[in-house]
Amino acid sequence: MNKTGLLVALLLLAGAGYAVFGLTQPNEMAGHSMTPPDTSELAEGAPIVDVALPEKLSQSAQIGQRGFEAKCASCHGRNAAGQNGVAPPLVHKIYEPSHHSDQAFVLAAQNGVRAHHWRFGNMPPIEGVTPADAKYIATYVRELQEANGIN
């Protein structure tokens, strides 16, 4: 084997080792926990998390708040705190920007979402929410997240 072939083989081996290591480590290694909180002690429909409100919302977040209250709060709860047995909180580390981009919110509203972190069932597409609406809603959620140490 020549030097180039040996170098390629070593790089492939190192990459495979890194991939195996990454797949065997808990998600906390990536900076976020994918474990939803235990909600067994909460009443049906109760907020899942406590949400601290920012002192002031940006103008875009205020628009998003109105959209959230009109289209999202009936499931995701007041101030995106979730509702036990209904829908998850969006003010949760699972939805931090490095794991769920703002575009994920747009796609969720347009297409719905298959359940994957929580056991609330699938989220249907939300009728009447445009991509622009979803972007404002994401801005609102991001400002709530930031006020709660999620960024």
Protein backbone atom coordinates (compact mmCIF):
# COMPACT_ATOMS: atom_id res chain seq x y z
CA MET A 1 0.00 0.00 0.00
CA ASN A 2 1.38 3.41 -0.88
CA LYS A 3 1.47 6.41 1.50
CA THR A 4 -1.70 7.96 0.07
CA GLY A 5 -3.63 4.72 0.46
CA LEU A 6 -2.40 4.37 4.05
CA LEU A 7 -3.40 7.96 4.82
CA VAL A 8 -6.90 7.42 3.37
CA ALA A 9 -7.30 4.19 5.35
CA LEU A 10 -6.25 5.93 8.58
CA LEU A 11 -8.65 8.81 7.97
CA LEU A 12 -11.51 6.38 7.29
CA LEU A 13 -10.67 4.43 10.43
CA ALA A 14 -10.49 7.62 12.52
CA GLY A 15 -13.84 8.80 11.10
CA ALA A 16 -15.48 5.46 11.83
CA GLY A 17 -14.12 5.53 15.37
CA TYR A 18 -15.42 9.05 15.91
CA ALA A 19 -18.86 8.07 14.56
CA VAL A 20 -19.07 5.01 16.84
CA PHE A 21 -17.98 7.11 19.82
CA GLY A 22 -20.58 9.78 19.04
CA LEU A 23 -23.39 7.24 18.69
CA THR A 24 -22.57 5.56 22.00
CA GLN A 25 -22.50 8.74 24.09
CA PRO A 26 -25.59 10.14 25.82
CA ASN A 27 -27.25 13.13 24.17
CA GLU A 28 -26.05 15.39 26.98
CA MET A 29 -22.65 15.25 25.25
CA ALA A 30 -24.17 17.40 22.50
CA GLY A 31 -25.19 20.07 25.01
CA HIS A 32 -28.85 19.22 25.42
CA SER A 33 -30.97 16.58 27.07
CA MET A 34 -33.49 14.83 24.90
CA THR A 35 -35.20 13.41 27.96
CA PRO A 36 -38.59 15.03 28.54
CA PRO A 37 -39.41 15.82 32.17
CA ASP A 38 -41.47 13.41 34.27
CA THR A 39 -45.04 14.69 34.15
CA SER A 40 -46.68 11.84 36.08
CA GLU A 41 -47.40 14.07 39.08
CA LEU A 42 -49.03 16.82 37.00
CA ALA A 43 -52.77 17.11 36.48
CA GLU A 44 -54.12 16.64 32.96
CA GLY A 45 -53.81 19.96 31.12
CA ALA A 46 -51.48 21.51 33.72
CA PRO A 47 -48.47 23.51 32.49
CA ILE A 48 -45.42 21.28 32.14
CA VAL A 49 -42.78 23.95 32.81
CA ASP A 50 -42.67 27.28 34.62
CA VAL A 51 -41.99 30.08 32.16
CA ALA A 52 -40.36 33.34 33.19
CA LEU A 53 -41.50 36.13 30.90
CA PRO A 54 -39.04 38.58 29.36
CA GLU A 55 -39.27 42.17 30.59
CA LYS A 56 -40.12 43.28 27.07
CA LEU A 57 -40.77 41.52 23.78
CA SER A 58 -39.45 42.83 20.48
CA GLN A 59 -42.01 44.09 17.99
CA SER A 60 -41.66 40.89 15.94
CA ALA A 61 -42.13 38.74 19.06
CA GLN A 62 -45.27 40.72 19.97
CA ILE A 63 -46.70 39.84 16.55
CA GLY A 64 -45.64 36.24 17.12
CA GLN A 65 -47.26 36.23 20.56
CA ARG A 66 -50.61 37.17 19.02
CA GLY A 67 -50.22 34.38 16.45
CA PHE A 68 -49.16 31.91 19.12
CA GLU A 69 -52.14 32.77 21.31
CA ALA A 70 -54.52 32.42 18.33
CA LYS A 71 -53.15 29.20 16.82
CA CYS A 72 -50.76 27.42 19.23
CA ALA A 73 -51.70 28.10 22.86
CA SER A 74 -54.75 25.84 22.81
CA CYS A 75 -52.33 22.89 22.65
CA HIS A 76 -48.90 24.20 23.69
CA GLY A 77 -50.31 26.18 26.60
CA ARG A 78 -50.02 29.73 27.77
CA ASN A 79 -46.53 31.17 27.15
CA ALA A 80 -45.55 27.88 25.46
CA ALA A 81 -45.39 26.08 28.84
CA GLY A 82 -47.02 22.94 27.40
CA GLN A 83 -50.07 21.13 28.72
CA ASN A 84 -49.73 17.77 30.37
CA GLY A 85 -51.38 15.10 28.25
CA VAL A 86 -51.95 17.55 25.37
CA ALA A 87 -48.74 19.00 23.91
CA PRO A 88 -45.14 19.70 24.94
CA PRO A 89 -43.68 22.96 26.15
CA LEU A 90 -41.76 24.87 23.52
CA VAL A 91 -39.84 26.62 26.28
CA HIS A 92 -37.71 23.54 26.82
CA LYS A 93 -34.11 22.64 26.05
CA ILE A 94 -35.31 20.13 23.44
CA TYR A 95 -36.38 23.06 21.25
CA GLU A 96 -33.20 25.11 21.60
CA PRO A 97 -32.08 26.73 18.32
CA SER A 98 -29.16 24.34 17.83
CA HIS A 99 -31.55 21.36 17.82
CA HIS A 100 -34.75 22.79 16.28
CA SER A 101 -34.16 25.70 13.92
CA ASP A 102 -36.69 28.42 13.30
CA GLN A 103 -37.37 26.69 9.99
CA ALA A 104 -38.44 23.61 11.98
CA PHE A 105 -41.26 25.70 13.46
CA VAL A 106 -42.31 26.80 9.96
CA LEU A 107 -42.29 23.22 8.69
CA ALA A 108 -44.15 21.96 11.76
CA ALA A 109 -46.95 24.46 11.22
CA GLN A 110 -47.15 23.69 7.49
CA ASN A 111 -46.73 19.93 7.51
CA GLY A 112 -47.33 18.76 11.06
CA VAL A 113 -44.79 16.70 13.00
CA ARG A 114 -44.52 13.01 13.76
CA ALA A 115 -44.08 12.47 17.53
CA HIS A 116 -40.41 11.92 18.31
CA HIS A 117 -39.39 13.52 21.64
CA TRP A 118 -42.64 13.40 23.58
CA ARG A 119 -45.54 10.97 23.86
CA PHE A 120 -48.39 13.33 22.98
CA GLY A 121 -49.00 11.91 19.54
CA ASN A 122 -48.41 13.53 16.19
CA MET A 123 -48.95 17.26 15.65
CA PRO A 124 -51.23 18.01 12.69
CA PRO A 125 -50.55 20.84 10.25
CA ILE A 126 -51.98 24.11 11.55
CA GLU A 127 -54.55 25.60 9.24
CA GLY A 128 -54.21 29.28 8.48
CA VAL A 129 -50.60 29.69 9.69
CA THR A 130 -48.44 31.07 6.90
CA PRO A 131 -44.64 30.69 6.82
CA ALA A 132 -44.41 34.39 7.79
CA ASP A 133 -46.75 33.79 10.75
CA ALA A 134 -44.66 30.82 11.85
CA LYS A 135 -41.47 32.91 11.70
CA TYR A 136 -43.02 35.53 13.99
CA ILE A 137 -44.21 32.77 16.31
CA ALA A 138 -40.70 31.30 16.35
CA THR A 139 -39.34 34.74 17.29
CA TYR A 140 -41.78 34.86 20.21
CA VAL A 141 -40.80 31.36 21.34
CA ARG A 142 -37.07 32.19 21.02
CA GLU A 143 -37.47 35.28 23.21
CA LEU A 144 -39.33 33.21 25.82
CA GLN A 145 -36.59 30.57 25.62
CA GLU A 146 -33.85 33.19 26.04
CA ALA A 147 -35.60 34.63 29.11
CA ASN A 148 -35.50 31.09 30.53
CA GLY A 149 -31.83 30.42 29.83
CA ILE A 150 -32.35 28.45 26.61
CA ASN A 151 -30.31 29.79 23.69
